[in-house]
Amino acid sequence: MATERSGFRMGRLDHVHIRVPDRAEAARWYAEHLGFEPVEAYDFWATGVEGGPLQISADGGNTTLALFEAGGGHPMIPQQTGVAFSVDADSFIAFARSLPCGIDHPRGERLQVTDLVDFDMCWALDLVDPWENQYEVNCYDYERIRMELVDADGLEPLRYWSRQVYSTYLDSQA
């Protein structure tokens, strides 16, 4: 359903500011657990700017996390909301089946494949890094995840709301 707009359209996710006590330690964690690597093109921020971010990426620099060192006296505070990333079905299934692997759920327990969330149009896993920044990994290939992960592994996904919410939305779009 189209609506009138100012002409501005938000583009793809570019980067997200993440506050951590030690950028190097955080970069190692993100590399080991989530496949992020430093983005050389943005290294000048980390090496040449006092308090600048270390930019890391898992997709060759198209989308980055900007790691800022934030100690007790630093004006930046930890975020209270999360950031969602979308992955393809192969990646989602591989990640889910790798659990537990040193990554925590926001509850503070190790993330498990049984923490899978069914959003009716996509599947999600919520996680936190060691500094309690929250993330969501989504896959929109709903039927493939249902068949190849949920049904195949006998999982009973979590739901945050009734399936009726999505059904009502679909009915309103018809």
N, C-alpha and C. Protein backbone atom coordinates (compact mmCIF):
# COMPACT_ATOMS: atom_id res chain seq x y z
N MET A 1 0.84 -1.18 0.00
CA MET A 1 0.00 0.00 0.00
C MET A 1 0.89 1.24 0.00
N ALA A 2 0.81 2.05 -1.01
CA ALA A 2 1.68 3.21 -1.15
C ALA A 2 1.11 4.40 -0.38
N THR A 3 1.99 5.17 0.19
CA THR A 3 1.60 6.40 0.88
C THR A 3 2.48 7.51 0.36
N GLU A 4 2.02 8.77 0.52
CA GLU A 4 2.83 9.89 0.11
C GLU A 4 3.99 10.07 1.06
N ARG A 5 5.15 10.36 0.51
CA ARG A 5 6.35 10.53 1.32
C ARG A 5 7.07 11.80 0.91
N SER A 6 8.10 12.12 1.65
CA SER A 6 8.91 13.29 1.36
C SER A 6 9.85 13.06 0.19
N GLY A 7 9.93 11.85 -0.33
CA GLY A 7 10.87 11.52 -1.38
C GLY A 7 12.10 10.82 -0.83
N PHE A 8 12.31 10.91 0.45
CA PHE A 8 13.44 10.23 1.10
C PHE A 8 13.11 8.78 1.35
N ARG A 9 14.04 7.89 1.04
CA ARG A 9 13.89 6.45 1.34
C ARG A 9 15.14 6.00 2.05
N MET A 10 14.97 5.39 3.19
CA MET A 10 16.10 4.86 3.94
C MET A 10 16.72 3.74 3.12
N GLY A 11 18.03 3.72 3.04
CA GLY A 11 18.74 2.68 2.31
C GLY A 11 19.02 1.48 3.18
N ARG A 12 19.96 0.66 2.76
CA ARG A 12 20.32 -0.54 3.50
C ARG A 12 21.01 -0.17 4.81
N LEU A 13 21.05 -1.08 5.71
CA LEU A 13 21.77 -0.87 6.96
C LEU A 13 23.24 -0.68 6.62
N ASP A 14 23.82 0.38 7.09
CA ASP A 14 25.21 0.69 6.79
C ASP A 14 26.13 0.26 7.92
N HIS A 15 25.90 0.82 9.11
CA HIS A 15 26.68 0.41 10.27
C HIS A 15 25.88 0.66 11.54
N VAL A 16 26.32 0.04 12.59
CA VAL A 16 25.68 0.17 13.88
C VAL A 16 26.76 0.48 14.91
N HIS A 17 26.52 1.45 15.76
CA HIS A 17 27.47 1.79 16.82
C HIS A 17 27.34 0.80 17.97
N ILE A 18 28.46 0.19 18.34
CA ILE A 18 28.49 -0.77 19.42
C ILE A 18 29.50 -0.29 20.45
N ARG A 19 29.09 -0.23 21.70
CA ARG A 19 29.97 0.23 22.78
C ARG A 19 30.55 -0.98 23.49
N VAL A 20 31.87 -1.04 23.57
CA VAL A 20 32.57 -2.15 24.21
C VAL A 20 33.72 -1.59 25.05
N PRO A 21 34.15 -2.31 26.09
CA PRO A 21 35.26 -1.81 26.90
C PRO A 21 36.62 -1.96 26.23
N ASP A 22 36.77 -2.88 25.27
CA ASP A 22 38.05 -3.12 24.61
C ASP A 22 37.78 -3.52 23.16
N ARG A 23 38.12 -2.62 22.22
CA ARG A 23 37.82 -2.88 20.81
C ARG A 23 38.50 -4.14 20.29
N ALA A 24 39.78 -4.34 20.65
CA ALA A 24 40.52 -5.51 20.15
C ALA A 24 39.88 -6.81 20.64
N GLU A 25 39.53 -6.86 21.94
CA GLU A 25 38.89 -8.05 22.48
C GLU A 25 37.55 -8.30 21.79
N ALA A 26 36.79 -7.23 21.58
CA ALA A 26 35.49 -7.35 20.92
C ALA A 26 35.67 -7.83 19.48
N ALA A 27 36.65 -7.28 18.76
CA ALA A 27 36.89 -7.69 17.37
C ALA A 27 37.22 -9.18 17.31
N ARG A 28 38.02 -9.67 18.26
CA ARG A 28 38.34 -11.10 18.30
C ARG A 28 37.08 -11.94 18.52
N TRP A 29 36.22 -11.52 19.45
CA TRP A 29 34.98 -12.27 19.73
C TRP A 29 34.09 -12.32 18.49
N TYR A 30 33.89 -11.16 17.86
CA TYR A 30 33.04 -11.11 16.67
C TYR A 30 33.63 -11.94 15.53
N ALA A 31 34.93 -11.96 15.40
CA ALA A 31 35.57 -12.78 14.35
C ALA A 31 35.35 -14.26 14.63
N GLU A 32 35.61 -14.67 15.87
CA GLU A 32 35.52 -16.09 16.23
C GLU A 32 34.10 -16.63 16.15
N HIS A 33 33.14 -15.86 16.63
CA HIS A 33 31.78 -16.38 16.76
C HIS A 33 30.83 -16.01 15.63
N LEU A 34 31.07 -14.86 14.98
CA LEU A 34 30.10 -14.40 13.99
C LEU A 34 30.72 -14.08 12.63
N GLY A 35 32.01 -14.34 12.45
CA GLY A 35 32.64 -14.18 11.15
C GLY A 35 32.96 -12.76 10.71
N PHE A 36 33.04 -11.81 11.64
CA PHE A 36 33.37 -10.44 11.30
C PHE A 36 34.87 -10.26 11.14
N GLU A 37 35.25 -9.34 10.24
CA GLU A 37 36.65 -9.00 10.02
C GLU A 37 36.79 -7.48 9.96
N PRO A 38 37.96 -6.95 10.36
CA PRO A 38 38.17 -5.50 10.24
C PRO A 38 38.05 -5.06 8.77
N VAL A 39 37.51 -3.87 8.56
CA VAL A 39 37.38 -3.31 7.22
C VAL A 39 38.52 -2.32 7.03
N GLU A 40 39.48 -2.71 6.20
CA GLU A 40 40.70 -1.93 6.02
C GLU A 40 40.41 -0.49 5.56
N ALA A 41 39.43 -0.33 4.71
CA ALA A 41 39.11 1.01 4.20
C ALA A 41 38.73 2.00 5.30
N TYR A 42 38.28 1.50 6.44
CA TYR A 42 37.86 2.37 7.54
C TYR A 42 38.83 2.33 8.72
N ASP A 43 39.99 1.71 8.53
CA ASP A 43 40.96 1.59 9.62
C ASP A 43 41.41 2.95 10.15
N PHE A 44 41.35 3.97 9.30
CA PHE A 44 41.79 5.30 9.74
C PHE A 44 40.98 5.80 10.93
N TRP A 45 39.74 5.41 11.05
CA TRP A 45 38.94 5.84 12.20
C TRP A 45 39.52 5.27 13.49
N ALA A 46 39.90 4.00 13.45
CA ALA A 46 40.42 3.33 14.65
C ALA A 46 41.83 3.76 15.00
N THR A 47 42.65 4.02 13.98
CA THR A 47 44.06 4.33 14.24
C THR A 47 44.37 5.82 14.28
N GLY A 48 43.57 6.63 13.63
CA GLY A 48 43.90 8.04 13.51
C GLY A 48 42.98 9.01 14.22
N VAL A 49 41.92 8.52 14.81
CA VAL A 49 40.96 9.42 15.46
C VAL A 49 40.81 9.00 16.92
N GLU A 50 41.13 9.89 17.84
CA GLU A 50 40.99 9.61 19.27
C GLU A 50 39.53 9.22 19.57
N GLY A 51 39.35 8.02 20.08
CA GLY A 51 38.01 7.53 20.39
C GLY A 51 37.23 7.05 19.18
N GLY A 52 37.89 6.99 18.01
CA GLY A 52 37.21 6.55 16.79
C GLY A 52 36.89 5.06 16.82
N PRO A 53 35.98 4.63 15.94
CA PRO A 53 35.55 3.23 15.93
C PRO A 53 36.45 2.32 15.12
N LEU A 54 36.46 1.07 15.51
CA LEU A 54 37.05 0.01 14.71
C LEU A 54 35.88 -0.60 13.94
N GLN A 55 35.91 -0.47 12.61
CA GLN A 55 34.82 -0.97 11.77
C GLN A 55 35.09 -2.43 11.41
N ILE A 56 34.12 -3.30 11.67
CA ILE A 56 34.23 -4.71 11.32
C ILE A 56 33.02 -5.11 10.51
N SER A 57 33.17 -6.13 9.68
CA SER A 57 32.10 -6.53 8.78
C SER A 57 32.14 -8.03 8.54
N ALA A 58 30.98 -8.61 8.29
CA ALA A 58 30.88 -10.02 7.92
C ALA A 58 30.49 -10.16 6.45
N ASP A 59 30.34 -9.02 5.73
CA ASP A 59 29.93 -9.10 4.33
C ASP A 59 30.81 -8.26 3.42
N GLY A 60 32.10 -8.18 3.76
CA GLY A 60 33.03 -7.46 2.90
C GLY A 60 32.92 -5.95 2.99
N GLY A 61 32.31 -5.44 4.04
CA GLY A 61 32.23 -4.00 4.25
C GLY A 61 30.94 -3.35 3.83
N ASN A 62 30.00 -4.11 3.28
CA ASN A 62 28.72 -3.50 2.91
C ASN A 62 27.94 -3.04 4.13
N THR A 63 28.00 -3.81 5.19
CA THR A 63 27.36 -3.47 6.46
C THR A 63 28.41 -3.66 7.54
N THR A 64 28.53 -2.70 8.44
CA THR A 64 29.57 -2.81 9.46
C THR A 64 29.05 -2.56 10.87
N LEU A 65 29.81 -3.07 11.81
CA LEU A 65 29.65 -2.70 13.21
C LEU A 65 30.79 -1.75 13.52
N ALA A 66 30.50 -0.65 14.15
CA ALA A 66 31.50 0.33 14.54
C ALA A 66 31.74 0.17 16.03
N LEU A 67 32.87 -0.46 16.38
CA LEU A 67 33.19 -0.73 17.79
C LEU A 67 33.85 0.48 18.42
N PHE A 68 33.17 1.09 19.39
CA PHE A 68 33.70 2.22 20.14
C PHE A 68 34.10 1.74 21.53
N GLU A 69 35.29 2.14 21.97
CA GLU A 69 35.66 1.82 23.35
C GLU A 69 34.92 2.78 24.26
N ALA A 70 34.21 2.23 25.20
CA ALA A 70 33.40 3.04 26.10
C ALA A 70 33.59 2.55 27.52
N GLY A 71 34.42 3.23 28.26
CA GLY A 71 34.64 2.89 29.66
C GLY A 71 33.64 3.60 30.54
N GLY A 72 33.85 3.50 31.85
CA GLY A 72 32.94 4.11 32.81
C GLY A 72 32.74 5.59 32.62
N GLY A 73 33.79 6.32 32.24
CA GLY A 73 33.69 7.77 32.07
C GLY A 73 33.32 8.20 30.67
N HIS A 74 33.19 7.28 29.75
CA HIS A 74 32.88 7.62 28.36
C HIS A 74 31.42 8.03 28.25
N PRO A 75 31.14 9.07 27.45
CA PRO A 75 29.75 9.54 27.36
C PRO A 75 28.79 8.57 26.66
N MET A 76 29.32 7.63 25.87
CA MET A 76 28.43 6.69 25.20
C MET A 76 27.96 5.64 26.20
N ILE A 77 26.69 5.31 26.12
CA ILE A 77 26.14 4.29 27.02
C ILE A 77 25.74 3.07 26.22
N PRO A 78 25.69 1.89 26.83
CA PRO A 78 25.27 0.70 26.09
C PRO A 78 23.86 0.86 25.54
N GLN A 79 23.63 0.36 24.35
CA GLN A 79 22.32 0.46 23.74
C GLN A 79 21.31 -0.39 24.49
N GLN A 80 20.06 0.00 24.42
CA GLN A 80 18.99 -0.75 25.07
C GLN A 80 18.15 -1.50 24.05
N THR A 81 18.38 -1.27 22.77
CA THR A 81 17.63 -1.95 21.73
C THR A 81 18.58 -2.81 20.92
N GLY A 82 18.05 -3.67 20.07
CA GLY A 82 18.88 -4.57 19.28
C GLY A 82 18.94 -4.19 17.82
N VAL A 83 19.76 -4.91 17.11
CA VAL A 83 19.94 -4.72 15.68
C VAL A 83 19.69 -6.06 15.00
N ALA A 84 18.94 -6.04 13.93
CA ALA A 84 18.63 -7.28 13.22
C ALA A 84 19.41 -7.37 11.92
N PHE A 85 19.89 -8.57 11.65
CA PHE A 85 20.55 -8.88 10.39
C PHE A 85 19.79 -10.02 9.73
N SER A 86 19.74 -10.01 8.42
CA SER A 86 19.07 -11.06 7.67
C SER A 86 20.10 -11.93 6.98
N VAL A 87 19.89 -13.25 7.05
CA VAL A 87 20.80 -14.19 6.39
C VAL A 87 19.99 -15.16 5.55
N ASP A 88 20.67 -15.85 4.62
CA ASP A 88 19.99 -16.84 3.79
C ASP A 88 19.76 -18.12 4.59
N ALA A 89 18.98 -19.01 4.03
CA ALA A 89 18.59 -20.24 4.73
C ALA A 89 19.78 -21.12 5.06
N ASP A 90 20.73 -21.28 4.14
CA ASP A 90 21.90 -22.11 4.42
C ASP A 90 22.67 -21.60 5.63
N SER A 91 22.88 -20.28 5.68
CA SER A 91 23.61 -19.67 6.80
C SER A 91 22.83 -19.82 8.10
N PHE A 92 21.52 -19.60 8.04
CA PHE A 92 20.70 -19.68 9.24
C PHE A 92 20.71 -21.09 9.81
N ILE A 93 20.54 -22.09 8.95
CA ILE A 93 20.53 -23.48 9.40
C ILE A 93 21.88 -23.85 9.99
N ALA A 94 22.96 -23.47 9.31
CA ALA A 94 24.30 -23.78 9.82
C ALA A 94 24.53 -23.12 11.17
N PHE A 95 24.13 -21.87 11.33
CA PHE A 95 24.29 -21.16 12.60
C PHE A 95 23.48 -21.85 13.69
N ALA A 96 22.22 -22.13 13.40
CA ALA A 96 21.34 -22.76 14.40
C ALA A 96 21.90 -24.11 14.85
N ARG A 97 22.40 -24.88 13.91
CA ARG A 97 22.92 -26.21 14.26
C ARG A 97 24.28 -26.15 14.93
N SER A 98 24.94 -24.99 14.89
CA SER A 98 26.24 -24.84 15.57
C SER A 98 26.08 -24.54 17.06
N LEU A 99 24.84 -24.26 17.46
CA LEU A 99 24.58 -23.87 18.85
C LEU A 99 24.55 -25.08 19.77
N PRO A 100 24.96 -24.92 21.05
CA PRO A 100 25.57 -23.75 21.66
C PRO A 100 27.04 -23.63 21.26
N CYS A 101 27.50 -22.40 21.12
CA CYS A 101 28.87 -22.19 20.65
C CYS A 101 29.53 -20.98 21.29
N GLY A 102 29.23 -20.70 22.54
CA GLY A 102 29.87 -19.57 23.21
C GLY A 102 29.14 -18.26 23.04
N ILE A 103 27.92 -18.30 22.53
CA ILE A 103 27.10 -17.11 22.36
C ILE A 103 25.93 -17.20 23.32
N ASP A 104 25.61 -16.10 23.97
CA ASP A 104 24.52 -16.09 24.94
C ASP A 104 23.23 -15.55 24.35
N HIS A 105 22.14 -16.00 24.96
CA HIS A 105 20.80 -15.47 24.71
C HIS A 105 20.65 -14.24 25.61
N PRO A 106 19.77 -13.28 25.31
CA PRO A 106 19.58 -12.14 26.21
C PRO A 106 19.19 -12.52 27.64
N ARG A 107 18.68 -13.73 27.86
CA ARG A 107 18.36 -14.19 29.22
C ARG A 107 19.62 -14.41 30.06
N GLY A 108 20.79 -14.48 29.39
CA GLY A 108 22.04 -14.72 30.10
C GLY A 108 22.50 -16.17 30.05
N GLU A 109 21.74 -17.03 29.41
CA GLU A 109 22.10 -18.44 29.25
C GLU A 109 22.68 -18.62 27.85
N ARG A 110 23.38 -19.73 27.63
CA ARG A 110 23.91 -20.02 26.30
C ARG A 110 22.76 -20.12 25.30
N LEU A 111 22.96 -19.53 24.13
CA LEU A 111 21.98 -19.60 23.06
C LEU A 111 21.91 -21.04 22.55
N GLN A 112 20.69 -21.55 22.40
CA GLN A 112 20.44 -22.91 21.94
C GLN A 112 19.54 -22.86 20.71
N VAL A 113 19.56 -23.89 19.90
CA VAL A 113 18.66 -23.96 18.75
C VAL A 113 17.21 -23.94 19.22
N THR A 114 16.96 -24.39 20.43
CA THR A 114 15.59 -24.38 20.97
C THR A 114 15.10 -22.97 21.31
N ASP A 115 15.97 -21.96 21.18
CA ASP A 115 15.58 -20.56 21.37
C ASP A 115 15.02 -19.96 20.08
N LEU A 116 14.87 -20.77 19.05
CA LEU A 116 14.34 -20.33 17.77
C LEU A 116 12.97 -19.69 17.96
N VAL A 117 12.77 -18.53 17.31
CA VAL A 117 11.51 -17.79 17.41
C VAL A 117 10.81 -17.83 16.05
N ASP A 118 9.53 -18.13 16.09
CA ASP A 118 8.69 -18.16 14.90
C ASP A 118 7.92 -16.84 14.82
N PHE A 119 8.24 -16.04 13.79
CA PHE A 119 7.53 -14.78 13.57
C PHE A 119 6.54 -14.90 12.41
N ASP A 120 6.20 -16.12 12.01
CA ASP A 120 5.24 -16.41 10.95
C ASP A 120 5.74 -16.07 9.54
N MET A 121 6.45 -15.00 9.38
CA MET A 121 6.99 -14.64 8.07
C MET A 121 8.50 -14.87 8.02
N CYS A 122 9.10 -15.03 9.18
CA CYS A 122 10.53 -15.31 9.27
C CYS A 122 10.82 -16.03 10.58
N TRP A 123 12.03 -16.56 10.65
CA TRP A 123 12.52 -17.22 11.87
C TRP A 123 13.62 -16.36 12.45
N ALA A 124 13.81 -16.41 13.77
CA ALA A 124 14.83 -15.56 14.39
C ALA A 124 15.50 -16.26 15.56
N LEU A 125 16.71 -15.84 15.80
CA LEU A 125 17.45 -16.22 17.01
C LEU A 125 17.97 -14.93 17.61
N ASP A 126 17.67 -14.70 18.88
CA ASP A 126 18.13 -13.51 19.59
C ASP A 126 19.40 -13.85 20.35
N LEU A 127 20.37 -12.94 20.31
CA LEU A 127 21.63 -13.17 21.00
C LEU A 127 22.19 -11.88 21.54
N VAL A 128 23.16 -12.02 22.44
CA VAL A 128 23.89 -10.86 22.96
C VAL A 128 25.38 -11.15 22.85
N ASP A 129 26.14 -10.07 22.71
CA ASP A 129 27.59 -10.21 22.77
C ASP A 129 28.00 -10.13 24.24
N PRO A 130 29.27 -10.28 24.56
CA PRO A 130 29.68 -10.24 25.97
C PRO A 130 29.40 -8.91 26.68
N TRP A 131 29.07 -7.86 25.94
CA TRP A 131 28.81 -6.54 26.53
C TRP A 131 27.33 -6.21 26.54
N GLU A 132 26.50 -7.24 26.31
CA GLU A 132 25.05 -7.16 26.38
C GLU A 132 24.40 -6.33 25.28
N ASN A 133 25.12 -6.13 24.15
CA ASN A 133 24.49 -5.55 22.98
C ASN A 133 23.64 -6.66 22.36
N GLN A 134 22.40 -6.33 22.02
CA GLN A 134 21.47 -7.35 21.55
C GLN A 134 21.35 -7.37 20.03
N TYR A 135 21.23 -8.58 19.50
CA TYR A 135 21.10 -8.81 18.06
C TYR A 135 20.01 -9.83 17.79
N GLU A 136 19.53 -9.80 16.56
CA GLU A 136 18.57 -10.78 16.09
C GLU A 136 19.06 -11.24 14.72
N VAL A 137 19.13 -12.53 14.52
CA VAL A 137 19.48 -13.10 13.22
C VAL A 137 18.19 -13.65 12.63
N ASN A 138 17.81 -13.15 11.46
CA ASN A 138 16.55 -13.51 10.82
C ASN A 138 16.78 -14.26 9.52
N CYS A 139 15.82 -15.12 9.18
CA CYS A 139 15.79 -15.74 7.85
C CYS A 139 14.35 -15.71 7.37
N TYR A 140 14.18 -15.16 6.17
CA TYR A 140 12.84 -15.00 5.59
C TYR A 140 12.45 -16.14 4.67
N ASP A 141 13.31 -17.14 4.52
CA ASP A 141 12.96 -18.33 3.73
C ASP A 141 12.18 -19.26 4.66
N TYR A 142 10.97 -18.83 4.98
CA TYR A 142 10.16 -19.43 6.04
C TYR A 142 9.94 -20.93 5.84
N GLU A 143 9.46 -21.32 4.69
CA GLU A 143 9.13 -22.74 4.47
C GLU A 143 10.36 -23.63 4.50
N ARG A 144 11.46 -23.14 3.95
CA ARG A 144 12.66 -23.98 3.95
C ARG A 144 13.17 -24.20 5.38
N ILE A 145 13.16 -23.16 6.20
CA ILE A 145 13.60 -23.31 7.59
C ILE A 145 12.63 -24.23 8.34
N ARG A 146 11.34 -24.06 8.07
CA ARG A 146 10.36 -24.93 8.73
C ARG A 146 10.63 -26.39 8.39
N MET A 147 10.84 -26.69 7.12
CA MET A 147 11.03 -28.09 6.70
C MET A 147 12.40 -28.64 7.10
N GLU A 148 13.48 -27.88 6.82
CA GLU A 148 14.83 -28.41 6.98
C GLU A 148 15.43 -28.25 8.38
N LEU A 149 14.83 -27.42 9.21
CA LEU A 149 15.35 -27.25 10.57
C LEU A 149 14.28 -27.60 11.60
N VAL A 150 13.17 -26.91 11.57
CA VAL A 150 12.14 -27.10 12.59
C VAL A 150 11.56 -28.51 12.55
N ASP A 151 11.00 -28.89 11.40
CA ASP A 151 10.41 -30.23 11.28
C ASP A 151 11.48 -31.32 11.35
N ALA A 152 12.58 -31.13 10.63
CA ALA A 152 13.63 -32.15 10.58
C ALA A 152 14.23 -32.44 11.95
N ASP A 153 14.35 -31.40 12.79
CA ASP A 153 14.96 -31.57 14.11
C ASP A 153 13.94 -31.67 15.24
N GLY A 154 12.66 -31.67 14.89
CA GLY A 154 11.62 -31.78 15.90
C GLY A 154 11.60 -30.62 16.88
N LEU A 155 11.84 -29.42 16.39
CA LEU A 155 11.88 -28.25 17.27
C LEU A 155 10.49 -27.70 17.53
N GLU A 156 10.32 -27.10 18.69
CA GLU A 156 9.09 -26.39 19.04
C GLU A 156 9.47 -24.93 19.27
N PRO A 157 9.42 -24.11 18.20
CA PRO A 157 9.86 -22.71 18.30
C PRO A 157 9.05 -21.90 19.30
N LEU A 158 9.68 -20.85 19.79
CA LEU A 158 9.02 -19.89 20.68
C LEU A 158 8.16 -18.96 19.83
N ARG A 159 7.14 -18.42 20.44
CA ARG A 159 6.30 -17.42 19.78
C ARG A 159 6.14 -16.27 20.75
N TYR A 160 6.25 -15.04 20.23
CA TYR A 160 6.06 -13.86 21.07
C TYR A 160 4.62 -13.39 21.03
N TRP A 161 3.88 -13.80 20.02
CA TRP A 161 2.48 -13.46 19.92
C TRP A 161 1.75 -14.55 19.15
N SER A 162 0.45 -14.50 19.19
CA SER A 162 -0.39 -15.51 18.55
C SER A 162 -0.21 -15.48 17.03
N ARG A 163 -0.31 -16.65 16.40
CA ARG A 163 -0.27 -16.75 14.94
C ARG A 163 -1.37 -15.89 14.32
N GLN A 164 -2.43 -15.65 15.06
CA GLN A 164 -3.56 -14.85 14.57
C GLN A 164 -3.11 -13.43 14.20
N VAL A 165 -2.10 -12.89 14.86
CA VAL A 165 -1.62 -11.54 14.56
C VAL A 165 -1.18 -11.46 13.10
N TYR A 166 -0.39 -12.44 12.66
CA TYR A 166 0.09 -12.45 11.28
C TYR A 166 -1.06 -12.75 10.31
N SER A 167 -1.95 -13.65 10.66
CA SER A 167 -3.10 -13.94 9.81
C SER A 167 -3.95 -12.72 9.60
N THR A 168 -4.17 -11.94 10.65
CA THR A 168 -4.95 -10.71 10.53
C THR A 168 -4.25 -9.73 9.61
N TYR A 169 -2.91 -9.63 9.74
CA TYR A 169 -2.14 -8.76 8.86
C TYR A 169 -2.30 -9.19 7.40
N LEU A 170 -2.16 -10.48 7.12
CA LEU A 170 -2.31 -10.98 5.75
C LEU A 170 -3.70 -10.69 5.21
N ASP A 171 -4.71 -10.87 6.04
CA ASP A 171 -6.09 -10.60 5.61
C ASP A 171 -6.25 -9.14 5.25
N SER A 172 -5.62 -8.25 5.99
CA SER A 172 -5.73 -6.81 5.72
C SER A 172 -5.03 -6.40 4.44
N GLN A 173 -4.07 -7.21 3.97
CA GLN A 173 -3.34 -6.91 2.74
C GLN A 173 -4.05 -7.43 1.50
N ALA A 174 -5.02 -8.33 1.70
CA ALA A 174 -5.72 -8.96 0.56
C ALA A 174 -6.72 -8.04 -0.08
